[in-house]
Each structure stands twice: as structure tokens, then as C-alpha cells.
Amino acid sequence: MLQVYLVRHGETEWNALRRIQGQSDSALTAKGERQAEQVAERAVSLGITHIISSDLGRTRRTAEIIAAGCGCPMTVDARLRELDMGVLETRDIATLTREEEDWRRQLVNGTEGGRIPGGESMTEMATRMHAALNHCLTLPAGSTPLLVSHGMALGCLISTVLGLPAYAERRLRLRNCSLSRMDYQQSPWLAPGWVVETAGDVSHLDMPALDELQR
């Protein structure tokens, strides 16, 4: 059985300011760096062998901290990027017009085919996230990889593994540096392939963590 751990990046300056990041970037806060250090401590106990990160700066920095703490090699996979949020990237949520807020809400309220102008649909993101997850099956036997990605991206991946459509209502909260796990297995009591073991665990963090849309 292959176990794959999933980590959302640490808190960023824009998370704290409630600005939309998407595939744009902002630096980790001091709190975000501390969160990544705590993930590293947890990773040592989990026997992590590989760290694979989105190529965006906030995930790369989170992954670098984890890799340094657990002594694991780190590689980058652009398929683990956050959803492209088009014309709303870098915007403060509080400044959105009613039309712009309607575009943003389409990403979380179950609108099939919803997307922000210039951006990406949840279905498109799910396709690349599943490809990145399935790549873990090519790692050497005995590997325990940890993927560092983003809130929308990981939420969509977990939801679709559970059988929901990529555009389903968003009801899974994954806070900064939360830890989830998926297993690839064959069980007489579960569907074959990927199953969700845990989602959104923050027991390793010593302070409350934000999520993307709520403080």
C-alpha cells in the first residue's frame, strides 16, 4: 500500500490580508514559516522519503523548510499549482464588485463549468492534480511521498477521489499547513485505488491556522 501525504503551504502575507492569490504569489509570514517547521517535525515521524512541491513560491518555501527538517530530497511539479483565478488574482476580497464576487463564488458553490474570466475551471485543475498524484505510483517501492500544494487544489483532489465532481460545493476546510493522507490500496471493503485516510489534520500546529476564505 502506498501512502501519500498532502500539505497545504504555510500562511502567506496575502492569506492574512484576504487577498486572492491563485497562481500569483506572496511570501510566507513568520507564522507560515513556523507552521512549515512543525510539519517538518511531523514528517520525520511519518517516514517521509520524497517531497514534491508546486512550483509557486509559497509552496516551494514551505517544501524547502520541510525538506531541511526531515532530510528528504525535494522536487517540483507544476501540476500541483493552485487554481488559476484569472483577472481576480492579487485582489482584496472586500473590494470585489457584485459581478466579480459572483465569479469567485462559482468556484465554491457547485456551479458546473464555473471559472473566473481568464482563469481555470475546477475540472481542468482536477485533471492535472490527479496526474500529479498518480505520478507517485512510479516512485520506488517503499516510498512515502509528501506533496506540498494549495487549498483549492488539494480540496478539489480529495473531493474528487471521494467521487464528487470537481465543481461540487466546497465543504472541505484545509487550513495552512494542514496534513491529509491518501492511500493507494486494494481492499475487499473499499473501492480499489486511491482512498482518503485523513483530511485537514492540524494537530501538529501550536496556533490556529487560517483558511483561504475565513479568518
N, C-alpha and C. Protein backbone atom coordinates (compact mmCIF):
# COMPACT_ATOMS: atom_id res chain seq x y z
N MET A 1 0.84 -1.20 0.00
CA MET A 1 0.00 0.00 0.00
C MET A 1 0.88 1.25 0.00
N LEU A 2 0.62 2.16 -0.90
CA LEU A 2 1.34 3.42 -0.97
C LEU A 2 0.58 4.49 -0.17
N GLN A 3 1.27 5.15 0.74
CA GLN A 3 0.71 6.27 1.49
C GLN A 3 1.29 7.57 0.95
N VAL A 4 0.42 8.52 0.63
CA VAL A 4 0.84 9.82 0.11
C VAL A 4 0.27 10.90 1.04
N TYR A 5 1.15 11.72 1.58
CA TYR A 5 0.73 12.82 2.44
C TYR A 5 0.60 14.10 1.63
N LEU A 6 -0.39 14.91 2.00
CA LEU A 6 -0.69 16.15 1.30
C LEU A 6 -0.63 17.30 2.30
N VAL A 7 0.09 18.36 1.96
CA VAL A 7 0.23 19.51 2.85
C VAL A 7 -0.09 20.79 2.09
N ARG A 8 -0.91 21.62 2.67
CA ARG A 8 -1.10 22.96 2.13
C ARG A 8 0.05 23.86 2.63
N HIS A 9 0.45 24.81 1.81
CA HIS A 9 1.54 25.71 2.17
C HIS A 9 1.24 26.48 3.46
N GLY A 10 2.29 27.05 4.05
CA GLY A 10 2.14 27.87 5.25
C GLY A 10 1.45 29.19 4.97
N GLU A 11 1.02 29.83 6.04
CA GLU A 11 0.33 31.11 5.91
C GLU A 11 1.20 32.13 5.16
N THR A 12 0.57 32.87 4.25
CA THR A 12 1.26 33.90 3.49
C THR A 12 0.78 35.29 3.90
N GLU A 13 1.51 36.30 3.44
CA GLU A 13 1.10 37.68 3.70
C GLU A 13 -0.29 37.95 3.12
N TRP A 14 -0.56 37.41 1.94
CA TRP A 14 -1.87 37.66 1.31
C TRP A 14 -2.98 36.85 1.97
N ASN A 15 -2.68 35.66 2.52
CA ASN A 15 -3.69 34.97 3.32
C ASN A 15 -4.15 35.87 4.47
N ALA A 16 -3.18 36.47 5.15
CA ALA A 16 -3.50 37.31 6.30
C ALA A 16 -4.28 38.56 5.90
N LEU A 17 -4.04 39.05 4.67
CA LEU A 17 -4.71 40.26 4.18
C LEU A 17 -5.99 39.96 3.41
N ARG A 18 -6.32 38.68 3.24
CA ARG A 18 -7.50 38.25 2.49
C ARG A 18 -7.44 38.70 1.03
N ARG A 19 -6.27 38.57 0.44
CA ARG A 19 -6.11 38.84 -0.98
C ARG A 19 -6.10 37.53 -1.75
N ILE A 20 -6.64 37.55 -2.95
CA ILE A 20 -6.75 36.35 -3.78
C ILE A 20 -5.39 36.07 -4.41
N GLN A 21 -4.88 34.86 -4.21
CA GLN A 21 -3.54 34.52 -4.70
C GLN A 21 -3.58 33.77 -6.03
N GLY A 22 -4.30 32.66 -6.07
CA GLY A 22 -4.28 31.86 -7.29
C GLY A 22 -2.86 31.46 -7.64
N GLN A 23 -2.45 31.74 -8.87
CA GLN A 23 -1.10 31.41 -9.30
C GLN A 23 -0.15 32.59 -9.18
N SER A 24 -0.63 33.71 -8.61
CA SER A 24 0.26 34.78 -8.20
C SER A 24 0.87 34.38 -6.85
N ASP A 25 1.75 35.22 -6.30
CA ASP A 25 2.46 34.74 -5.13
C ASP A 25 2.69 35.83 -4.11
N SER A 26 2.84 35.41 -2.86
CA SER A 26 3.27 36.28 -1.78
C SER A 26 4.08 35.44 -0.80
N ALA A 27 4.90 36.10 -0.03
CA ALA A 27 5.83 35.40 0.86
C ALA A 27 5.11 34.80 2.06
N LEU A 28 5.71 33.77 2.63
CA LEU A 28 5.22 33.24 3.90
C LEU A 28 5.42 34.28 5.00
N THR A 29 4.47 34.35 5.91
CA THR A 29 4.65 35.13 7.12
C THR A 29 5.57 34.37 8.07
N ALA A 30 5.98 35.03 9.16
CA ALA A 30 6.75 34.33 10.18
C ALA A 30 5.96 33.15 10.74
N LYS A 31 4.66 33.33 10.88
CA LYS A 31 3.79 32.24 11.34
C LYS A 31 3.79 31.10 10.33
N GLY A 32 3.76 31.45 9.03
CA GLY A 32 3.78 30.42 8.00
C GLY A 32 5.05 29.60 8.01
N GLU A 33 6.19 30.25 8.27
CA GLU A 33 7.45 29.52 8.35
C GLU A 33 7.45 28.60 9.57
N ARG A 34 6.90 29.06 10.68
CA ARG A 34 6.81 28.22 11.87
C ARG A 34 5.91 27.02 11.61
N GLN A 35 4.81 27.24 10.91
CA GLN A 35 3.93 26.12 10.56
C GLN A 35 4.67 25.07 9.75
N ALA A 36 5.47 25.52 8.78
CA ALA A 36 6.24 24.58 7.96
C ALA A 36 7.25 23.80 8.81
N GLU A 37 7.86 24.47 9.77
CA GLU A 37 8.80 23.77 10.66
C GLU A 37 8.08 22.69 11.46
N GLN A 38 6.85 22.96 11.85
CA GLN A 38 6.10 21.96 12.61
C GLN A 38 5.68 20.79 11.72
N VAL A 39 5.40 21.06 10.45
CA VAL A 39 5.15 19.96 9.52
C VAL A 39 6.41 19.11 9.39
N ALA A 40 7.58 19.75 9.33
CA ALA A 40 8.83 19.01 9.22
C ALA A 40 9.02 18.06 10.40
N GLU A 41 8.71 18.54 11.58
CA GLU A 41 8.80 17.69 12.77
C GLU A 41 7.88 16.48 12.65
N ARG A 42 6.69 16.71 12.14
CA ARG A 42 5.73 15.61 11.94
C ARG A 42 6.22 14.68 10.84
N ALA A 43 6.81 15.25 9.79
CA ALA A 43 7.26 14.43 8.66
C ALA A 43 8.33 13.42 9.07
N VAL A 44 9.18 13.80 10.01
CA VAL A 44 10.21 12.87 10.49
C VAL A 44 9.56 11.63 11.07
N SER A 45 8.51 11.82 11.85
CA SER A 45 7.85 10.67 12.48
C SER A 45 7.06 9.83 11.49
N LEU A 46 6.74 10.40 10.33
CA LEU A 46 5.94 9.68 9.33
C LEU A 46 6.80 8.90 8.35
N GLY A 47 8.10 9.07 8.41
CA GLY A 47 8.99 8.35 7.49
C GLY A 47 8.92 8.85 6.06
N ILE A 48 8.72 10.14 5.88
CA ILE A 48 8.64 10.72 4.53
C ILE A 48 9.96 10.49 3.79
N THR A 49 9.87 10.09 2.53
CA THR A 49 11.07 9.82 1.73
C THR A 49 11.26 10.79 0.57
N HIS A 50 10.18 11.40 0.10
CA HIS A 50 10.24 12.32 -1.03
C HIS A 50 9.32 13.51 -0.74
N ILE A 51 9.74 14.70 -1.12
CA ILE A 51 8.90 15.88 -1.03
C ILE A 51 8.74 16.45 -2.43
N ILE A 52 7.49 16.59 -2.87
CA ILE A 52 7.18 17.08 -4.22
C ILE A 52 6.32 18.32 -4.05
N SER A 53 6.75 19.44 -4.62
CA SER A 53 6.10 20.73 -4.37
C SER A 53 5.57 21.35 -5.66
N SER A 54 4.48 22.06 -5.53
CA SER A 54 4.07 23.02 -6.56
C SER A 54 5.25 23.96 -6.83
N ASP A 55 5.29 24.51 -8.03
CA ASP A 55 6.41 25.39 -8.39
C ASP A 55 6.22 26.83 -7.94
N LEU A 56 5.10 27.16 -7.30
CA LEU A 56 4.88 28.53 -6.84
C LEU A 56 5.71 28.81 -5.58
N GLY A 57 6.05 30.08 -5.38
CA GLY A 57 7.00 30.44 -4.33
C GLY A 57 6.57 30.04 -2.94
N ARG A 58 5.30 30.19 -2.61
CA ARG A 58 4.85 29.90 -1.25
C ARG A 58 4.91 28.41 -0.93
N THR A 59 4.66 27.57 -1.94
CA THR A 59 4.78 26.13 -1.72
C THR A 59 6.24 25.69 -1.72
N ARG A 60 7.04 26.27 -2.60
CA ARG A 60 8.47 25.92 -2.65
C ARG A 60 9.13 26.25 -1.31
N ARG A 61 8.81 27.43 -0.75
CA ARG A 61 9.43 27.79 0.53
C ARG A 61 8.96 26.85 1.63
N THR A 62 7.67 26.51 1.66
CA THR A 62 7.17 25.55 2.64
C THR A 62 7.89 24.22 2.50
N ALA A 63 8.03 23.76 1.25
CA ALA A 63 8.68 22.47 0.99
C ALA A 63 10.15 22.50 1.37
N GLU A 64 10.83 23.61 1.11
CA GLU A 64 12.25 23.72 1.47
C GLU A 64 12.45 23.58 2.97
N ILE A 65 11.57 24.20 3.74
CA ILE A 65 11.66 24.10 5.20
C ILE A 65 11.43 22.67 5.66
N ILE A 66 10.42 22.03 5.08
CA ILE A 66 10.13 20.64 5.46
C ILE A 66 11.29 19.73 5.07
N ALA A 67 11.82 19.92 3.85
CA ALA A 67 12.92 19.08 3.38
C ALA A 67 14.15 19.23 4.26
N ALA A 68 14.45 20.48 4.66
CA ALA A 68 15.61 20.70 5.53
C ALA A 68 15.42 20.03 6.88
N GLY A 69 14.18 20.03 7.38
CA GLY A 69 13.92 19.47 8.69
C GLY A 69 13.94 17.96 8.73
N CYS A 70 13.56 17.33 7.62
CA CYS A 70 13.49 15.85 7.64
C CYS A 70 14.56 15.20 6.76
N GLY A 71 15.39 16.00 6.10
CA GLY A 71 16.49 15.45 5.32
C GLY A 71 16.06 14.70 4.08
N CYS A 72 14.94 15.13 3.48
CA CYS A 72 14.42 14.46 2.29
C CYS A 72 14.74 15.27 1.03
N PRO A 73 14.90 14.61 -0.10
CA PRO A 73 15.06 15.35 -1.35
C PRO A 73 13.75 16.03 -1.75
N MET A 74 13.87 17.17 -2.43
CA MET A 74 12.69 17.92 -2.87
C MET A 74 12.73 18.08 -4.38
N THR A 75 11.58 17.86 -5.02
CA THR A 75 11.42 18.12 -6.44
C THR A 75 10.18 19.00 -6.64
N VAL A 76 10.04 19.53 -7.86
CA VAL A 76 8.96 20.46 -8.17
C VAL A 76 8.10 19.88 -9.28
N ASP A 77 6.79 20.05 -9.14
CA ASP A 77 5.83 19.59 -10.15
C ASP A 77 4.79 20.69 -10.33
N ALA A 78 4.80 21.35 -11.48
CA ALA A 78 3.89 22.47 -11.74
C ALA A 78 2.43 22.05 -11.75
N ARG A 79 2.15 20.76 -11.89
CA ARG A 79 0.76 20.29 -11.88
C ARG A 79 0.10 20.47 -10.52
N LEU A 80 0.90 20.69 -9.49
CA LEU A 80 0.38 20.89 -8.13
C LEU A 80 0.04 22.35 -7.84
N ARG A 81 0.10 23.21 -8.85
CA ARG A 81 -0.22 24.63 -8.67
C ARG A 81 -1.65 24.84 -8.20
N GLU A 82 -1.86 26.03 -7.63
CA GLU A 82 -3.21 26.44 -7.25
C GLU A 82 -4.04 26.73 -8.50
N LEU A 83 -5.35 26.80 -8.32
CA LEU A 83 -6.26 27.18 -9.39
C LEU A 83 -5.87 28.55 -9.94
N ASP A 84 -5.86 28.67 -11.26
CA ASP A 84 -5.64 29.98 -11.90
C ASP A 84 -6.93 30.79 -11.74
N MET A 85 -6.84 31.90 -11.02
CA MET A 85 -8.02 32.71 -10.72
C MET A 85 -8.11 33.95 -11.59
N GLY A 86 -7.42 33.92 -12.74
CA GLY A 86 -7.64 34.90 -13.78
C GLY A 86 -7.54 36.35 -13.33
N VAL A 87 -8.54 37.14 -13.74
CA VAL A 87 -8.49 38.59 -13.53
C VAL A 87 -8.64 39.00 -12.06
N LEU A 88 -8.99 38.06 -11.18
CA LEU A 88 -9.16 38.42 -9.77
C LEU A 88 -7.90 38.20 -8.94
N GLU A 89 -6.85 37.65 -9.53
CA GLU A 89 -5.63 37.43 -8.77
C GLU A 89 -5.05 38.75 -8.27
N THR A 90 -4.58 38.74 -7.05
CA THR A 90 -3.99 39.86 -6.30
C THR A 90 -5.04 40.78 -5.69
N ARG A 91 -6.34 40.54 -5.95
CA ARG A 91 -7.39 41.43 -5.46
C ARG A 91 -7.75 41.14 -4.00
N ASP A 92 -8.07 42.19 -3.26
CA ASP A 92 -8.62 42.07 -1.91
C ASP A 92 -10.08 41.63 -2.04
N ILE A 93 -10.46 40.58 -1.33
CA ILE A 93 -11.82 40.06 -1.43
C ILE A 93 -12.86 41.14 -1.11
N ALA A 94 -12.54 42.01 -0.17
CA ALA A 94 -13.50 43.03 0.25
C ALA A 94 -13.77 44.08 -0.82
N THR A 95 -12.92 44.17 -1.84
CA THR A 95 -13.08 45.20 -2.88
C THR A 95 -13.78 44.69 -4.13
N LEU A 96 -14.18 43.42 -4.16
CA LEU A 96 -14.78 42.86 -5.36
C LEU A 96 -16.17 43.47 -5.60
N THR A 97 -16.48 43.73 -6.86
CA THR A 97 -17.83 44.14 -7.22
C THR A 97 -18.78 42.95 -7.09
N ARG A 98 -20.07 43.20 -7.18
CA ARG A 98 -21.02 42.10 -7.09
C ARG A 98 -20.79 41.08 -8.20
N GLU A 99 -20.52 41.54 -9.41
CA GLU A 99 -20.25 40.62 -10.52
C GLU A 99 -18.99 39.82 -10.26
N GLU A 100 -17.94 40.47 -9.78
CA GLU A 100 -16.68 39.77 -9.51
C GLU A 100 -16.85 38.75 -8.39
N GLU A 101 -17.62 39.10 -7.36
CA GLU A 101 -17.88 38.15 -6.28
C GLU A 101 -18.69 36.96 -6.80
N ASP A 102 -19.60 37.19 -7.73
CA ASP A 102 -20.34 36.09 -8.34
C ASP A 102 -19.40 35.15 -9.08
N TRP A 103 -18.42 35.70 -9.79
CA TRP A 103 -17.42 34.85 -10.46
C TRP A 103 -16.68 34.00 -9.43
N ARG A 104 -16.25 34.64 -8.35
CA ARG A 104 -15.49 33.90 -7.33
C ARG A 104 -16.35 32.82 -6.68
N ARG A 105 -17.60 33.14 -6.38
CA ARG A 105 -18.47 32.17 -5.73
C ARG A 105 -18.74 30.95 -6.60
N GLN A 106 -18.67 31.10 -7.91
CA GLN A 106 -18.87 29.95 -8.80
C GLN A 106 -17.86 28.84 -8.54
N LEU A 107 -16.73 29.18 -7.96
CA LEU A 107 -15.69 28.19 -7.68
C LEU A 107 -15.99 27.36 -6.44
N VAL A 108 -16.94 27.79 -5.62
CA VAL A 108 -17.20 27.11 -4.36
C VAL A 108 -18.66 26.70 -4.15
N ASN A 109 -19.56 27.13 -5.04
CA ASN A 109 -20.99 26.89 -4.78
C ASN A 109 -21.61 25.81 -5.66
N GLY A 110 -20.79 25.04 -6.38
CA GLY A 110 -21.31 23.93 -7.16
C GLY A 110 -21.72 24.27 -8.58
N THR A 111 -21.29 25.41 -9.09
CA THR A 111 -21.61 25.81 -10.46
C THR A 111 -20.79 25.00 -11.45
N GLU A 112 -21.44 24.18 -12.25
CA GLU A 112 -20.72 23.38 -13.23
C GLU A 112 -20.11 24.30 -14.29
N GLY A 113 -18.82 24.11 -14.57
CA GLY A 113 -18.15 24.92 -15.56
C GLY A 113 -17.77 26.31 -15.08
N GLY A 114 -17.97 26.60 -13.79
CA GLY A 114 -17.64 27.92 -13.27
C GLY A 114 -16.16 28.23 -13.39
N ARG A 115 -15.87 29.47 -13.72
CA ARG A 115 -14.49 29.93 -13.77
C ARG A 115 -14.48 31.45 -13.74
N ILE A 116 -13.40 32.01 -13.25
CA ILE A 116 -13.18 33.44 -13.29
C ILE A 116 -12.64 33.78 -14.67
N PRO A 117 -13.08 34.88 -15.29
CA PRO A 117 -12.55 35.24 -16.61
C PRO A 117 -11.02 35.24 -16.62
N GLY A 118 -10.46 34.60 -17.63
CA GLY A 118 -9.01 34.49 -17.74
C GLY A 118 -8.42 33.39 -16.90
N GLY A 119 -9.26 32.65 -16.16
CA GLY A 119 -8.76 31.64 -15.24
C GLY A 119 -9.07 30.22 -15.69
N GLU A 120 -9.09 29.33 -14.74
CA GLU A 120 -9.16 27.89 -14.96
C GLU A 120 -10.41 27.34 -14.29
N SER A 121 -10.98 26.28 -14.86
CA SER A 121 -12.11 25.63 -14.22
C SER A 121 -11.62 24.60 -13.20
N MET A 122 -12.49 24.24 -12.28
CA MET A 122 -12.14 23.22 -11.29
C MET A 122 -11.86 21.88 -11.95
N THR A 123 -12.58 21.59 -13.04
CA THR A 123 -12.36 20.32 -13.75
C THR A 123 -10.98 20.28 -14.37
N GLU A 124 -10.55 21.38 -14.94
CA GLU A 124 -9.20 21.43 -15.52
C GLU A 124 -8.14 21.23 -14.44
N MET A 125 -8.34 21.87 -13.30
CA MET A 125 -7.39 21.70 -12.21
C MET A 125 -7.39 20.27 -11.69
N ALA A 126 -8.54 19.66 -11.56
CA ALA A 126 -8.62 18.28 -11.06
C ALA A 126 -7.84 17.33 -11.95
N THR A 127 -7.90 17.54 -13.26
CA THR A 127 -7.19 16.66 -14.18
C THR A 127 -5.69 16.67 -13.92
N ARG A 128 -5.12 17.86 -13.76
CA ARG A 128 -3.67 17.92 -13.53
C ARG A 128 -3.29 17.46 -12.11
N MET A 129 -4.15 17.73 -11.13
CA MET A 129 -3.86 17.27 -9.78
C MET A 129 -3.86 15.74 -9.69
N HIS A 130 -4.80 15.10 -10.37
CA HIS A 130 -4.81 13.63 -10.38
C HIS A 130 -3.59 13.07 -11.08
N ALA A 131 -3.15 13.74 -12.14
CA ALA A 131 -1.94 13.30 -12.83
C ALA A 131 -0.73 13.37 -11.90
N ALA A 132 -0.64 14.44 -11.11
CA ALA A 132 0.47 14.58 -10.16
C ALA A 132 0.40 13.51 -9.08
N LEU A 133 -0.81 13.23 -8.58
CA LEU A 133 -0.96 12.18 -7.57
C LEU A 133 -0.58 10.82 -8.14
N ASN A 134 -1.05 10.51 -9.34
CA ASN A 134 -0.77 9.20 -9.95
C ASN A 134 0.71 9.02 -10.25
N HIS A 135 1.44 10.13 -10.44
CA HIS A 135 2.88 10.03 -10.67
C HIS A 135 3.58 9.39 -9.48
N CYS A 136 3.00 9.52 -8.29
CA CYS A 136 3.59 8.90 -7.10
C CYS A 136 3.68 7.38 -7.22
N LEU A 137 2.83 6.81 -8.06
CA LEU A 137 2.85 5.35 -8.25
C LEU A 137 4.11 4.88 -8.95
N THR A 138 4.86 5.80 -9.56
CA THR A 138 6.11 5.43 -10.26
C THR A 138 7.32 5.51 -9.33
N LEU A 139 7.15 5.96 -8.09
CA LEU A 139 8.27 6.05 -7.16
C LEU A 139 8.71 4.65 -6.73
N PRO A 140 9.95 4.51 -6.27
CA PRO A 140 10.43 3.20 -5.84
C PRO A 140 9.58 2.59 -4.73
N ALA A 141 9.52 1.28 -4.71
CA ALA A 141 8.77 0.58 -3.65
C ALA A 141 9.29 1.01 -2.28
N GLY A 142 8.37 1.19 -1.35
CA GLY A 142 8.73 1.62 -0.01
C GLY A 142 8.75 3.12 0.18
N SER A 143 8.44 3.88 -0.88
CA SER A 143 8.43 5.34 -0.78
C SER A 143 7.22 5.83 0.00
N THR A 144 7.40 6.95 0.69
CA THR A 144 6.30 7.65 1.35
C THR A 144 6.43 9.12 0.99
N PRO A 145 5.79 9.55 -0.09
CA PRO A 145 5.95 10.94 -0.54
C PRO A 145 5.02 11.91 0.18
N LEU A 146 5.44 13.16 0.19
CA LEU A 146 4.65 14.26 0.73
C LEU A 146 4.53 15.32 -0.36
N LEU A 147 3.30 15.66 -0.73
CA LEU A 147 3.04 16.65 -1.76
C LEU A 147 2.67 17.98 -1.10
N VAL A 148 3.31 19.07 -1.51
CA VAL A 148 3.02 20.40 -0.97
C VAL A 148 2.28 21.19 -2.04
N SER A 149 1.05 21.55 -1.74
CA SER A 149 0.21 22.20 -2.75
C SER A 149 -0.61 23.31 -2.08
N HIS A 150 -1.85 23.51 -2.53
CA HIS A 150 -2.65 24.69 -2.20
C HIS A 150 -4.06 24.29 -1.76
N GLY A 151 -4.76 25.23 -1.15
CA GLY A 151 -6.06 24.94 -0.57
C GLY A 151 -7.11 24.49 -1.55
N MET A 152 -7.34 25.28 -2.61
CA MET A 152 -8.34 24.90 -3.61
C MET A 152 -7.93 23.61 -4.31
N ALA A 153 -6.64 23.52 -4.65
CA ALA A 153 -6.15 22.37 -5.41
C ALA A 153 -6.29 21.08 -4.62
N LEU A 154 -5.87 21.09 -3.37
CA LEU A 154 -5.95 19.88 -2.55
C LEU A 154 -7.39 19.54 -2.19
N GLY A 155 -8.20 20.56 -1.93
CA GLY A 155 -9.61 20.29 -1.64
C GLY A 155 -10.30 19.62 -2.81
N CYS A 156 -10.01 20.09 -4.01
CA CYS A 156 -10.60 19.50 -5.21
C CYS A 156 -10.11 18.08 -5.41
N LEU A 157 -8.82 17.84 -5.19
CA LEU A 157 -8.26 16.49 -5.34
C LEU A 157 -8.94 15.52 -4.37
N ILE A 158 -9.01 15.88 -3.11
CA ILE A 158 -9.62 14.98 -2.12
C ILE A 158 -11.09 14.74 -2.44
N SER A 159 -11.80 15.79 -2.80
CA SER A 159 -13.23 15.65 -3.09
C SER A 159 -13.48 14.73 -4.28
N THR A 160 -12.66 14.86 -5.31
CA THR A 160 -12.87 14.02 -6.50
C THR A 160 -12.48 12.57 -6.26
N VAL A 161 -11.48 12.34 -5.41
CA VAL A 161 -11.16 10.96 -5.03
C VAL A 161 -12.35 10.33 -4.30
N LEU A 162 -13.08 11.14 -3.54
CA LEU A 162 -14.26 10.65 -2.83
C LEU A 162 -15.46 10.45 -3.76
N GLY A 163 -15.32 10.83 -5.04
CA GLY A 163 -16.37 10.60 -6.01
C GLY A 163 -17.23 11.80 -6.34
N LEU A 164 -16.92 12.95 -5.77
CA LEU A 164 -17.67 14.16 -6.08
C LEU A 164 -17.16 14.76 -7.39
N PRO A 165 -17.99 15.49 -8.11
CA PRO A 165 -17.49 16.21 -9.29
C PRO A 165 -16.53 17.31 -8.86
N ALA A 166 -15.62 17.68 -9.76
CA ALA A 166 -14.63 18.69 -9.44
C ALA A 166 -15.27 20.01 -9.03
N TYR A 167 -16.44 20.30 -9.59
CA TYR A 167 -17.10 21.58 -9.33
C TYR A 167 -18.08 21.52 -8.15
N ALA A 168 -18.08 20.42 -7.41
CA ALA A 168 -19.02 20.26 -6.28
C ALA A 168 -18.85 21.39 -5.28
N GLU A 169 -19.90 21.66 -4.52
CA GLU A 169 -19.82 22.66 -3.46
C GLU A 169 -18.59 22.40 -2.58
N ARG A 170 -17.89 23.46 -2.28
CA ARG A 170 -16.66 23.32 -1.48
C ARG A 170 -17.03 23.25 -0.01
N ARG A 171 -16.82 22.08 0.61
CA ARG A 171 -17.20 21.87 2.01
C ARG A 171 -16.08 21.26 2.84
N LEU A 172 -14.87 21.26 2.29
CA LEU A 172 -13.72 20.71 3.00
C LEU A 172 -12.76 21.84 3.32
N ARG A 173 -12.53 22.09 4.60
CA ARG A 173 -11.61 23.16 5.02
C ARG A 173 -10.22 22.58 5.22
N LEU A 174 -9.27 23.12 4.50
CA LEU A 174 -7.87 22.72 4.63
C LEU A 174 -7.07 23.96 5.02
N ARG A 175 -6.73 24.07 6.28
CA ARG A 175 -6.04 25.25 6.76
C ARG A 175 -4.56 25.22 6.38
N ASN A 176 -3.91 26.37 6.53
CA ASN A 176 -2.49 26.44 6.20
C ASN A 176 -1.70 25.39 6.97
N CYS A 177 -0.89 24.64 6.23
CA CYS A 177 -0.03 23.57 6.76
C CYS A 177 -0.81 22.43 7.41
N SER A 178 -2.08 22.30 7.04
CA SER A 178 -2.82 21.10 7.44
C SER A 178 -2.28 19.90 6.68
N LEU A 179 -2.48 18.72 7.26
CA LEU A 179 -1.93 17.48 6.72
C LEU A 179 -3.07 16.51 6.39
N SER A 180 -3.03 15.98 5.18
CA SER A 180 -4.01 14.97 4.75
C SER A 180 -3.24 13.75 4.25
N ARG A 181 -3.94 12.63 4.11
CA ARG A 181 -3.28 11.42 3.59
C ARG A 181 -4.20 10.65 2.68
N MET A 182 -3.64 10.17 1.58
CA MET A 182 -4.33 9.26 0.68
C MET A 182 -3.53 7.96 0.57
N ASP A 183 -4.24 6.86 0.44
CA ASP A 183 -3.60 5.55 0.27
C ASP A 183 -4.04 4.94 -1.05
N TYR A 184 -3.09 4.30 -1.71
CA TYR A 184 -3.42 3.52 -2.91
C TYR A 184 -3.40 2.06 -2.48
N GLN A 185 -4.55 1.39 -2.57
CA GLN A 185 -4.68 0.07 -1.96
C GLN A 185 -5.71 -0.79 -2.69
N GLN A 186 -5.73 -2.04 -2.33
CA GLN A 186 -6.75 -2.99 -2.78
C GLN A 186 -7.39 -3.58 -1.52
N SER A 187 -8.66 -3.30 -1.31
CA SER A 187 -9.34 -3.76 -0.09
C SER A 187 -10.67 -4.39 -0.47
N PRO A 188 -11.05 -5.46 0.24
CA PRO A 188 -12.36 -6.06 -0.06
C PRO A 188 -13.53 -5.19 0.37
N TRP A 189 -13.27 -4.15 1.18
CA TRP A 189 -14.35 -3.32 1.70
C TRP A 189 -14.31 -1.89 1.19
N LEU A 190 -13.36 -1.57 0.34
CA LEU A 190 -13.26 -0.24 -0.25
C LEU A 190 -13.06 -0.37 -1.75
N ALA A 191 -13.41 0.67 -2.49
CA ALA A 191 -13.14 0.67 -3.92
C ALA A 191 -11.63 0.59 -4.14
N PRO A 192 -11.19 -0.11 -5.18
CA PRO A 192 -9.75 -0.21 -5.42
C PRO A 192 -9.17 1.13 -5.86
N GLY A 193 -7.89 1.33 -5.53
CA GLY A 193 -7.20 2.55 -5.94
C GLY A 193 -7.05 3.52 -4.79
N TRP A 194 -7.19 4.81 -5.07
CA TRP A 194 -6.97 5.85 -4.06
C TRP A 194 -8.14 5.95 -3.10
N VAL A 195 -7.83 6.01 -1.81
CA VAL A 195 -8.83 6.28 -0.78
C VAL A 195 -8.30 7.37 0.14
N VAL A 196 -9.21 8.08 0.78
CA VAL A 196 -8.83 9.16 1.70
C VAL A 196 -8.76 8.60 3.11
N GLU A 197 -7.59 8.70 3.72
CA GLU A 197 -7.40 8.23 5.09
C GLU A 197 -7.68 9.36 6.09
N THR A 198 -7.11 10.54 5.88
CA THR A 198 -7.35 11.68 6.74
C THR A 198 -7.37 12.95 5.89
N ALA A 199 -7.99 14.01 6.41
CA ALA A 199 -8.03 15.28 5.68
C ALA A 199 -8.03 16.44 6.67
N GLY A 200 -7.12 17.39 6.44
CA GLY A 200 -7.14 18.64 7.20
C GLY A 200 -6.64 18.56 8.63
N ASP A 201 -5.79 17.60 8.94
CA ASP A 201 -5.29 17.45 10.30
C ASP A 201 -4.37 18.62 10.66
N VAL A 202 -4.65 19.31 11.76
CA VAL A 202 -3.80 20.41 12.23
C VAL A 202 -3.28 20.14 13.65
N SER A 203 -3.28 18.90 14.09
CA SER A 203 -2.87 18.57 15.46
C SER A 203 -1.39 18.86 15.71
N HIS A 204 -0.60 18.99 14.64
CA HIS A 204 0.83 19.27 14.79
C HIS A 204 1.13 20.76 14.93
N LEU A 205 0.13 21.61 14.74
CA LEU A 205 0.32 23.06 14.80
C LEU A 205 0.01 23.57 16.20
N ASP A 206 0.78 24.57 16.66
CA ASP A 206 0.60 25.07 18.02
C ASP A 206 -0.20 26.36 18.10
N MET A 207 -0.79 26.80 16.95
CA MET A 207 -1.62 28.00 16.96
C MET A 207 -2.67 27.87 15.87
N PRO A 208 -3.80 28.54 16.00
CA PRO A 208 -4.85 28.43 14.98
C PRO A 208 -4.33 28.84 13.61
N ALA A 209 -4.83 28.18 12.57
CA ALA A 209 -4.43 28.46 11.20
C ALA A 209 -5.60 29.02 10.41
N LEU A 210 -5.30 29.89 9.46
CA LEU A 210 -6.33 30.43 8.59
C LEU A 210 -6.66 29.44 7.49
N ASP A 211 -7.83 29.61 6.86
CA ASP A 211 -8.04 29.02 5.55
C ASP A 211 -8.20 30.18 4.57
N GLU A 212 -8.49 29.89 3.33
CA GLU A 212 -8.45 30.94 2.32
C GLU A 212 -9.56 31.96 2.46
N LEU A 213 -10.73 31.53 2.90
CA LEU A 213 -11.90 32.40 2.81
C LEU A 213 -12.44 32.85 4.16
N GLN A 214 -11.85 32.41 5.23
CA GLN A 214 -12.41 32.75 6.54
C GLN A 214 -11.27 32.99 7.53
N ARG A 215 -11.43 33.99 8.38
CA ARG A 215 -10.41 34.28 9.39
C ARG A 215 -10.98 34.01 10.78
